[in-house]
PDB file of N, CA and C in Angstrom:
ATOM      1  N   UNK A   1       4.430  -0.213  -1.883  1.00  0.00           N
ATOM      2  CA  UNK A   1       5.115   0.179  -3.112  1.00  0.00           C
ATOM      3  C   UNK A   1       4.153   0.180  -4.295  1.00  0.00           C
ATOM      4  N   UNK A   2       3.334  -0.860  -4.399  1.00  0.00           N
ATOM      5  CA  UNK A   2       2.388  -0.927  -5.521  1.00  0.00           C
ATOM      6  C   UNK A   2       1.421   0.255  -5.466  1.00  0.00           C
ATOM      7  N   UNK A   3       0.988   0.618  -4.254  1.00  0.00           N
ATOM      8  CA  UNK A   3       0.065   1.752  -4.118  1.00  0.00           C
ATOM      9  C   UNK A   3       0.710   3.043  -4.617  1.00  0.00           C
ATOM     10  N   UNK A   4       1.957   3.276  -4.250  1.00  0.00           N
ATOM     11  CA  UNK A   4       2.653   4.491  -4.669  1.00  0.00           C
ATOM     12  C   UNK A   4       2.862   4.490  -6.180  1.00  0.00           C
ATOM     13  N   UNK A   5       3.234   3.340  -6.733  1.00  0.00           N
ATOM     14  CA  UNK A   5       3.436   3.230  -8.180  1.00  0.00           C
ATOM     15  C   UNK A   5       2.105   3.444  -8.909  1.00  0.00           C
ATOM     16  N   UNK A   6       1.048   2.864  -8.372  1.00  0.00           N
ATOM     17  CA  UNK A   6      -0.295   3.006  -8.937  1.00  0.00           C
ATOM     18  C   UNK A   6      -0.707   4.474  -8.976  1.00  0.00           C
ATOM     19  N   UNK A   7      -0.549   5.173  -7.869  1.00  0.00           N
ATOM     20  CA  UNK A   7      -0.915   6.589  -7.793  1.00  0.00           C
ATOM     21  C   UNK A   7      -0.068   7.431  -8.747  1.00  0.00           C
ATOM     22  N   UNK A   8       1.222   7.085  -8.879  1.00  0.00           N
ATOM     23  CA  UNK A   8       2.102   7.822  -9.785  1.00  0.00           C
ATOM     24  C   UNK A   8       1.648   7.654 -11.234  1.00  0.00           C
ATOM     25  N   UNK A   9       1.312   6.429 -11.613  1.00  0.00           N
ATOM     26  CA  UNK A   9       0.826   6.200 -12.982  1.00  0.00           C
ATOM     27  C   UNK A   9      -0.535   6.848 -13.204  1.00  0.00           C
ATOM     28  N   UNK A  10      -1.369   6.851 -12.175  1.00  0.00           N
ATOM     29  CA  UNK A  10      -2.677   7.500 -12.290  1.00  0.00           C
ATOM     30  C   UNK A  10      -2.501   8.992 -12.576  1.00  0.00           C
ATOM     31  N   UNK A  11      -1.493   9.606 -11.993  1.00  0.00           N
ATOM     32  CA  UNK A  11      -1.211  11.021 -12.259  1.00  0.00           C
ATOM     33  C   UNK A  11      -0.554  11.206 -13.625  1.00  0.00           C
ATOM     34  N   UNK A  12       0.444  10.366 -13.921  1.00  0.00           N
ATOM     35  CA  UNK A  12       1.203  10.527 -15.159  1.00  0.00           C
ATOM     36  C   UNK A  12       0.350  10.317 -16.403  1.00  0.00           C
ATOM     37  N   UNK A  13      -0.583   9.377 -16.342  1.00  0.00           N
ATOM     38  CA  UNK A  13      -1.387   9.076 -17.531  1.00  0.00           C
ATOM     39  C   UNK A  13      -2.284  10.263 -17.897  1.00  0.00           C
ATOM     40  N   UNK A  14      -2.558  11.119 -16.927  1.00  0.00           N
ATOM     41  CA  UNK A  14      -3.358  12.325 -17.193  1.00  0.00           C
ATOM     42  C   UNK A  14      -2.555  13.381 -17.963  1.00  0.00           C
ATOM     43  N   UNK A  15      -1.227  13.212 -18.015  1.00  0.00           N
ATOM     44  CA  UNK A  15      -0.351  14.227 -18.590  1.00  0.00           C
ATOM     45  C   UNK A  15       0.145  13.869 -19.993  1.00  0.00           C
ATOM     46  N   UNK A  16      -0.412  12.815 -20.600  1.00  0.00           N
ATOM     47  CA  UNK A  16       0.062  12.439 -21.932  1.00  0.00           C
ATOM     48  C   UNK A  16      -0.226  13.561 -22.927  1.00  0.00           C
ATOM     49  N   UNK A  17       0.626  13.655 -23.939  1.00  0.00           N
ATOM     50  CA  UNK A  17       0.533  14.748 -24.912  1.00  0.00           C
ATOM     51  C   UNK A  17      -0.730  14.661 -25.764  1.00  0.00           C
ATOM     52  N   UNK A  18      -1.107  13.451 -26.140  1.00  0.00           N
ATOM     53  CA  UNK A  18      -2.275  13.240 -26.984  1.00  0.00           C
ATOM     54  C   UNK A  18      -3.312  12.458 -26.184  1.00  0.00           C
ATOM     55  N   UNK A  19      -4.562  12.852 -26.297  1.00  0.00           N
ATOM     56  CA  UNK A  19      -5.636  12.188 -25.555  1.00  0.00           C
ATOM     57  C   UNK A  19      -5.795  10.746 -26.036  1.00  0.00           C
ATOM     58  N   UNK A  20      -5.779   9.775 -25.117  1.00  0.00           N
ATOM     59  CA  UNK A  20      -6.042   8.382 -25.507  1.00  0.00           C
ATOM     60  C   UNK A  20      -7.456   8.237 -26.092  1.00  0.00           C
ATOM     61  N   UNK A  21      -7.690   7.119 -26.747  1.00  0.00           N
ATOM     62  CA  UNK A  21      -9.016   6.881 -27.321  1.00  0.00           C
ATOM     63  C   UNK A  21     -10.046   6.759 -26.200  1.00  0.00           C
ATOM     64  N   UNK A  22     -11.304   6.939 -26.563  1.00  0.00           N
ATOM     65  CA  UNK A  22     -12.371   6.786 -25.569  1.00  0.00           C
ATOM     66  C   UNK A  22     -12.316   5.403 -24.937  1.00  0.00           C
ATOM     67  N   UNK A  23     -12.074   4.371 -25.747  1.00  0.00           N
ATOM     68  CA  UNK A  23     -12.031   3.010 -25.202  1.00  0.00           C
ATOM     69  C   UNK A  23     -10.871   2.839 -24.228  1.00  0.00           C
ATOM     70  N   UNK A  24      -9.708   3.411 -24.557  1.00  0.00           N
ATOM     71  CA  UNK A  24      -8.563   3.336 -23.641  1.00  0.00           C
ATOM     72  C   UNK A  24      -8.887   4.050 -22.333  1.00  0.00           C
ATOM     73  N   UNK A  25      -9.521   5.208 -22.432  1.00  0.00           N
ATOM     74  CA  UNK A  25      -9.891   5.948 -21.222  1.00  0.00           C
ATOM     75  C   UNK A  25     -10.889   5.163 -20.380  1.00  0.00           C
ATOM     76  N   UNK A  26     -11.864   4.540 -21.032  1.00  0.00           N
ATOM     77  CA  UNK A  26     -12.852   3.747 -20.295  1.00  0.00           C
ATOM     78  C   UNK A  26     -12.208   2.520 -19.644  1.00  0.00           C
ATOM     79  N   UNK A  27     -11.271   1.888 -20.347  1.00  0.00           N
ATOM     80  CA  UNK A  27     -10.569   0.736 -19.770  1.00  0.00           C
ATOM     81  C   UNK A  27      -9.762   1.165 -18.549  1.00  0.00           C
ATOM     82  N   UNK A  28      -9.055   2.291 -18.671  1.00  0.00           N
ATOM     83  CA  UNK A  28      -8.288   2.809 -17.530  1.00  0.00           C
ATOM     84  C   UNK A  28      -9.219   3.136 -16.363  1.00  0.00           C
ATOM     85  N   UNK A  29     -10.333   3.802 -16.679  1.00  0.00           N
ATOM     86  CA  UNK A  29     -11.292   4.183 -15.643  1.00  0.00           C
ATOM     87  C   UNK A  29     -11.843   2.941 -14.929  1.00  0.00           C
ATOM     88  N   UNK A  30     -12.223   1.938 -15.708  1.00  0.00           N
ATOM     89  CA  UNK A  30     -12.782   0.717 -15.115  1.00  0.00           C
ATOM     90  C   UNK A  30     -11.799   0.030 -14.181  1.00  0.00           C
ATOM     91  N   UNK A  31     -10.540  -0.066 -14.617  1.00  0.00           N
ATOM     92  CA  UNK A  31      -9.521  -0.695 -13.767  1.00  0.00           C
ATOM     93  C   UNK A  31      -9.211   0.166 -12.549  1.00  0.00           C
ATOM     94  N   UNK A  32      -9.195   1.480 -12.724  1.00  0.00           N
ATOM     95  CA  UNK A  32      -8.950   2.383 -11.592  1.00  0.00           C
ATOM     96  C   UNK A  32     -10.032   2.197 -10.530  1.00  0.00           C
ATOM     97  N   UNK A  33     -11.300   2.208 -10.973  1.00  0.00           N
ATOM     98  CA  UNK A  33     -12.403   2.044 -10.022  1.00  0.00           C
ATOM     99  C   UNK A  33     -12.369   0.668  -9.363  1.00  0.00           C
ATOM    100  N   UNK A  34     -12.011  -0.375 -10.139  1.00  0.00           N
ATOM    101  CA  UNK A  34     -11.922  -1.726  -9.572  1.00  0.00           C
ATOM    102  C   UNK A  34     -10.842  -1.763  -8.502  1.00  0.00           C
ATOM    103  N   UNK A  35      -9.718  -1.073  -8.751  1.00  0.00           N
ATOM    104  CA  UNK A  35      -8.615  -1.059  -7.785  1.00  0.00           C
ATOM    105  C   UNK A  35      -8.984  -0.280  -6.525  1.00  0.00           C
ATOM    106  N   UNK A  36      -9.692   0.835  -6.689  1.00  0.00           N
ATOM    107  CA  UNK A  36      -9.996   1.715  -5.557  1.00  0.00           C
ATOM    108  C   UNK A  36     -11.263   1.289  -4.818  1.00  0.00           C
ATOM    109  N   UNK A  37     -12.322   0.984  -5.570  1.00  0.00           N
ATOM    110  CA  UNK A  37     -13.636   0.731  -4.966  1.00  0.00           C
ATOM    111  C   UNK A  37     -13.974  -0.753  -4.909  1.00  0.00           C
ATOM    112  N   UNK A  38     -13.531  -1.507  -5.916  1.00  0.00           N
ATOM    113  CA  UNK A  38     -13.931  -2.914  -6.023  1.00  0.00           C
ATOM    114  C   UNK A  38     -15.080  -3.013  -7.007  1.00  0.00           C
ATOM    115  N   UNK A  39     -15.846  -4.077  -6.895  1.00  0.00           N
ATOM    116  CA  UNK A  39     -16.959  -4.287  -7.820  1.00  0.00           C
ATOM    117  C   UNK A  39     -17.939  -3.129  -7.748  1.00  0.00           C
ATOM    118  N   UNK A  40     -18.568  -2.839  -8.879  1.00  0.00           N
ATOM    119  CA  UNK A  40     -19.495  -1.711  -8.986  1.00  0.00           C
ATOM    120  C   UNK A  40     -20.587  -1.798  -7.914  1.00  0.00           C
ATOM    121  N   UNK A  41     -20.870  -0.663  -7.298  1.00  0.00           N
ATOM    122  CA  UNK A  41     -21.816  -0.664  -6.182  1.00  0.00           C
ATOM    123  C   UNK A  41     -22.791   0.512  -6.234  1.00  0.00           C
ATOM    124  N   UNK A  42     -22.968   1.076  -7.424  1.00  0.00           N
ATOM    125  CA  UNK A  42     -23.882   2.214  -7.557  1.00  0.00           C
ATOM    126  C   UNK A  42     -24.916   1.928  -8.631  1.00  0.00           C
ATOM    127  N   UNK A  43     -26.001   2.683  -8.611  1.00  0.00           N
ATOM    128  CA  UNK A  43     -27.033   2.538  -9.627  1.00  0.00           C
ATOM    129  C   UNK A  43     -26.557   3.137 -10.947  1.00  0.00           C
ATOM    130  N   UNK A  44     -27.086   2.614 -12.035  1.00  0.00           N
ATOM    131  CA  UNK A  44     -26.762   3.107 -13.369  1.00  0.00           C
ATOM    132  C   UNK A  44     -27.290   4.530 -13.524  1.00  0.00           C
ATOM    133  N   UNK A  45     -26.450   5.455 -14.052  1.00  0.00           N
ATOM    134  CA  UNK A  45     -26.910   6.827 -14.288  1.00  0.00           C
ATOM    135  C   UNK A  45     -28.054   6.870 -15.305  1.00  0.00           C
ATOM    136  N   UNK A  46     -28.789   7.946 -15.288  1.00  0.00           N
ATOM    137  CA  UNK A  46     -29.928   8.115 -16.183  1.00  0.00           C
ATOM    138  C   UNK A  46     -29.523   8.214 -17.638  1.00  0.00           C
ATOM    139  N   UNK A  47     -30.490   8.082 -18.509  1.00  0.00           N
ATOM    140  CA  UNK A  47     -30.260   8.038 -19.952  1.00  0.00           C
ATOM    141  C   UNK A  47     -29.655   9.331 -20.488  1.00  0.00           C
ATOM    142  N   UNK A  48     -29.867  10.458 -19.827  1.00  0.00           N
ATOM    143  CA  UNK A  48     -29.332  11.733 -20.314  1.00  0.00           C
ATOM    144  C   UNK A  48     -27.872  11.960 -19.904  1.00  0.00           C
ATOM    145  N   UNK A  49     -27.377  11.177 -18.954  1.00  0.00           N
ATOM    146  CA  UNK A  49     -25.987  11.307 -18.501  1.00  0.00           C
ATOM    147  C   UNK A  49     -25.117  10.329 -19.285  1.00  0.00           C
ATOM    148  N   UNK A  50     -24.786  10.687 -20.528  1.00  0.00           N
ATOM    149  CA  UNK A  50     -24.067   9.769 -21.406  1.00  0.00           C
ATOM    150  C   UNK A  50     -22.661   9.452 -20.903  1.00  0.00           C
ATOM    151  N   UNK A  51     -21.949  10.468 -20.433  1.00  0.00           N
ATOM    152  CA  UNK A  51     -20.594  10.249 -19.937  1.00  0.00           C
ATOM    153  C   UNK A  51     -20.620   9.387 -18.676  1.00  0.00           C
ATOM    154  N   UNK A  52     -21.521   9.711 -17.748  1.00  0.00           N
ATOM    155  CA  UNK A  52     -21.654   8.928 -16.521  1.00  0.00           C
ATOM    156  C   UNK A  52     -22.052   7.494 -16.813  1.00  0.00           C
ATOM    157  N   UNK A  53     -22.943   7.322 -17.780  1.00  0.00           N
ATOM    158  CA  UNK A  53     -23.396   5.990 -18.168  1.00  0.00           C
ATOM    159  C   UNK A  53     -22.232   5.180 -18.750  1.00  0.00           C
ATOM    160  N   UNK A  54     -21.418   5.805 -19.606  1.00  0.00           N
ATOM    161  CA  UNK A  54     -20.265   5.114 -20.195  1.00  0.00           C
ATOM    162  C   UNK A  54     -19.264   4.716 -19.120  1.00  0.00           C
ATOM    163  N   UNK A  55     -19.018   5.606 -18.171  1.00  0.00           N
ATOM    164  CA  UNK A  55     -18.106   5.288 -17.075  1.00  0.00           C
ATOM    165  C   UNK A  55     -18.663   4.151 -16.222  1.00  0.00           C
ATOM    166  N   UNK A  56     -19.961   4.218 -15.926  1.00  0.00           N
ATOM    167  CA  UNK A  56     -20.603   3.181 -15.119  1.00  0.00           C
ATOM    168  C   UNK A  56     -20.477   1.831 -15.825  1.00  0.00           C
ATOM    169  N   UNK A  57     -20.749   1.831 -17.137  1.00  0.00           N
ATOM    170  CA  UNK A  57     -20.667   0.583 -17.892  1.00  0.00           C
ATOM    171  C   UNK A  57     -19.230   0.073 -17.970  1.00  0.00           C
ATOM    172  N   UNK A  58     -18.248   0.955 -18.043  1.00  0.00           N
ATOM    173  CA  UNK A  58     -16.852   0.496 -18.063  1.00  0.00           C
ATOM    174  C   UNK A  58     -16.494  -0.140 -16.726  1.00  0.00           C
ATOM    175  N   UNK A  59     -17.050   0.383 -15.648  1.00  0.00           N
ATOM    176  CA  UNK A  59     -16.826  -0.218 -14.334  1.00  0.00           C
ATOM    177  C   UNK A  59     -17.541  -1.561 -14.240  1.00  0.00           C
ATOM    178  N   UNK A  60     -18.734  -1.604 -14.803  1.00  0.00           N
ATOM    179  CA  UNK A  60     -19.528  -2.833 -14.771  1.00  0.00           C
ATOM    180  C   UNK A  60     -18.815  -3.942 -15.521  1.00  0.00           C
ATOM    181  N   UNK A  61     -18.202  -3.589 -16.665  1.00  0.00           N
ATOM    182  CA  UNK A  61     -17.573  -4.598 -17.502  1.00  0.00           C
ATOM    183  C   UNK A  61     -16.091  -4.758 -17.222  1.00  0.00           C
ATOM    184  N   UNK A  62     -15.561  -4.028 -16.258  1.00  0.00           N
ATOM    185  CA  UNK A  62     -14.184  -4.278 -15.861  1.00  0.00           C
ATOM    186  C   UNK A  62     -14.194  -5.627 -15.147  1.00  0.00           C
ATOM    187  N   UNK A  63     -13.045  -6.214 -14.963  1.00  0.00           N
ATOM    188  CA  UNK A  63     -13.014  -7.571 -14.423  1.00  0.00           C
ATOM    189  C   UNK A  63     -13.614  -7.659 -13.018  1.00  0.00           C
ATOM    190  N   UNK A  64     -14.883  -7.963 -12.947  1.00  0.00           N
ATOM    191  CA  UNK A  64     -15.581  -8.097 -11.671  1.00  0.00           C
ATOM    192  C   UNK A  64     -14.948  -9.226 -10.870  1.00  0.00           C
ATOM    193  N   UNK A  65     -14.788  -8.990  -9.590  1.00  0.00           N
ATOM    194  CA  UNK A  65     -14.202  -9.998  -8.725  1.00  0.00           C
ATOM    195  C   UNK A  65     -12.681  -9.948  -8.699  1.00  0.00           C
ATOM    196  N   UNK A  66     -12.085  -9.087  -9.532  1.00  0.00           N
ATOM    197  CA  UNK A  66     -10.633  -8.943  -9.557  1.00  0.00           C
ATOM    198  C   UNK A  66     -10.190  -8.300  -8.242  1.00  0.00           C
ATOM    199  N   UNK A  67      -9.109  -8.795  -7.681  1.00  0.00           N
ATOM    200  CA  UNK A  67      -8.606  -8.212  -6.436  1.00  0.00           C
ATOM    201  C   UNK A  67      -8.087  -6.805  -6.698  1.00  0.00           C
ATOM    202  N   UNK A  68      -8.007  -6.016  -5.633  1.00  0.00           N
ATOM    203  CA  UNK A  68      -7.492  -4.653  -5.769  1.00  0.00           C
ATOM    204  C   UNK A  68      -6.072  -4.665  -6.326  1.00  0.00           C
ATOM    205  N   UNK A  69      -5.241  -5.587  -5.837  1.00  0.00           N
ATOM    206  CA  UNK A  69      -3.851  -5.656  -6.306  1.00  0.00           C
ATOM    207  C   UNK A  69      -3.774  -6.014  -7.777  1.00  0.00           C
ATOM    208  N   UNK A  70      -4.593  -6.987  -8.204  1.00  0.00           N
ATOM    209  CA  UNK A  70      -4.590  -7.373  -9.618  1.00  0.00           C
ATOM    210  C   UNK A  70      -5.069  -6.221 -10.487  1.00  0.00           C
ATOM    211  N   UNK A  71      -6.093  -5.503 -10.026  1.00  0.00           N
ATOM    212  CA  UNK A  71      -6.604  -4.352 -10.781  1.00  0.00           C
ATOM    213  C   UNK A  71      -5.547  -3.255 -10.852  1.00  0.00           C
ATOM    214  N   UNK A  72      -4.830  -3.020  -9.759  1.00  0.00           N
ATOM    215  CA  UNK A  72      -3.759  -2.012  -9.761  1.00  0.00           C
ATOM    216  C   UNK A  72      -2.682  -2.386 -10.771  1.00  0.00           C
ATOM    217  N   UNK A  73      -2.284  -3.659 -10.768  1.00  0.00           N
ATOM    218  CA  UNK A  73      -1.238  -4.102 -11.690  1.00  0.00           C
ATOM    219  C   UNK A  73      -1.698  -3.994 -13.140  1.00  0.00           C
ATOM    220  N   UNK A  74      -2.945  -4.346 -13.412  1.00  0.00           N
ATOM    221  CA  UNK A  74      -3.482  -4.233 -14.767  1.00  0.00           C
ATOM    222  C   UNK A  74      -3.557  -2.766 -15.181  1.00  0.00           C
ATOM    223  N   UNK A  75      -3.950  -1.905 -14.251  1.00  0.00           N
ATOM    224  CA  UNK A  75      -4.018  -0.461 -14.523  1.00  0.00           C
ATOM    225  C   UNK A  75      -2.627   0.078 -14.853  1.00  0.00           C
ATOM    226  N   UNK A  76      -1.636  -0.290 -14.050  1.00  0.00           N
ATOM    227  CA  UNK A  76      -0.263   0.179 -14.261  1.00  0.00           C
ATOM    228  C   UNK A  76       0.222  -0.245 -15.653  1.00  0.00           C
ATOM    229  N   UNK A  77      -0.056  -1.486 -16.039  1.00  0.00           N
ATOM    230  CA  UNK A  77       0.359  -1.966 -17.365  1.00  0.00           C
ATOM    231  C   UNK A  77      -0.296  -1.155 -18.479  1.00  0.00           C
ATOM    232  N   UNK A  78      -1.598  -0.921 -18.344  1.00  0.00           N
ATOM    233  CA  UNK A  78      -2.327  -0.157 -19.355  1.00  0.00           C
ATOM    234  C   UNK A  78      -1.864   1.302 -19.391  1.00  0.00           C
ATOM    235  N   UNK A  79      -1.623   1.889 -18.214  1.00  0.00           N
ATOM    236  CA  UNK A  79      -1.133   3.262 -18.146  1.00  0.00           C
ATOM    237  C   UNK A  79       0.252   3.383 -18.786  1.00  0.00           C
ATOM    238  N   UNK A  80       1.131   2.406 -18.532  1.00  0.00           N
ATOM    239  CA  UNK A  80       2.462   2.402 -19.150  1.00  0.00           C
ATOM    240  C   UNK A  80       2.338   2.396 -20.669  1.00  0.00           C
ATOM    241  N   UNK A  81       1.435   1.547 -21.191  1.00  0.00           N
ATOM    242  CA  UNK A  81       1.228   1.469 -22.634  1.00  0.00           C
ATOM    243  C   UNK A  81       0.764   2.833 -23.189  1.00  0.00           C
ATOM    244  N   UNK A  82      -0.175   3.456 -22.504  1.00  0.00           N
ATOM    245  CA  UNK A  82      -0.705   4.748 -22.957  1.00  0.00           C
ATOM    246  C   UNK A  82       0.384   5.807 -22.940  1.00  0.00           C
ATOM    247  N   UNK A  83       1.199   5.823 -21.895  1.00  0.00           N
ATOM    248  CA  UNK A  83       2.272   6.819 -21.780  1.00  0.00           C
ATOM    249  C   UNK A  83       3.301   6.611 -22.885  1.00  0.00           C
ATOM    250  N   UNK A  84       3.659   5.326 -23.161  1.00  0.00           N
ATOM    251  CA  UNK A  84       4.613   5.046 -24.233  1.00  0.00           C
ATOM    252  C   UNK A  84       4.025   5.427 -25.597  1.00  0.00           C
ATOM    253  N   UNK A  85       2.743   5.143 -25.784  1.00  0.00           N
ATOM    254  CA  UNK A  85       2.080   5.380 -27.068  1.00  0.00           C
ATOM    255  C   UNK A  85       1.894   6.875 -27.342  1.00  0.00           C
ATOM    256  N   UNK A  86       1.497   7.642 -26.320  1.00  0.00           N
ATOM    257  CA  UNK A  86       1.121   9.049 -26.519  1.00  0.00           C
ATOM    258  C   UNK A  86       2.165  10.037 -26.027  1.00  0.00           C
ATOM    259  N   UNK A  87       3.149   9.597 -25.260  1.00  0.00           N
ATOM    260  CA  UNK A  87       4.198  10.495 -24.763  1.00  0.00           C
ATOM    261  C   UNK A  87       3.712  11.420 -23.674  1.00  0.00           C
ATOM    262  N   UNK A  88       4.669  11.969 -22.929  1.00  0.00           N
ATOM    263  CA  UNK A  88       4.327  12.904 -21.845  1.00  0.00           C
ATOM    264  C   UNK A  88       4.951  14.255 -22.109  1.00  0.00           C
TER     265      UNK A  88
END
């Protein structure tokens, strides 16, 4: 059930009327990656890849060691807030 709810929020948060702030997007991205992949396991992107670097750093600074279930629940909470704040 949590997986289905997680996937539904992952889709719904992409459909908000107004784009969330960069920080909100990075927080969502970090929690999403923590839930799906776990702790960061890739090399840092090069200096010219600013977007990739920001995403990598958001994953790096997301709660390392957090279980997949805890990351999913945190993601769902943050996605709910974004959907309520920005509307669908």
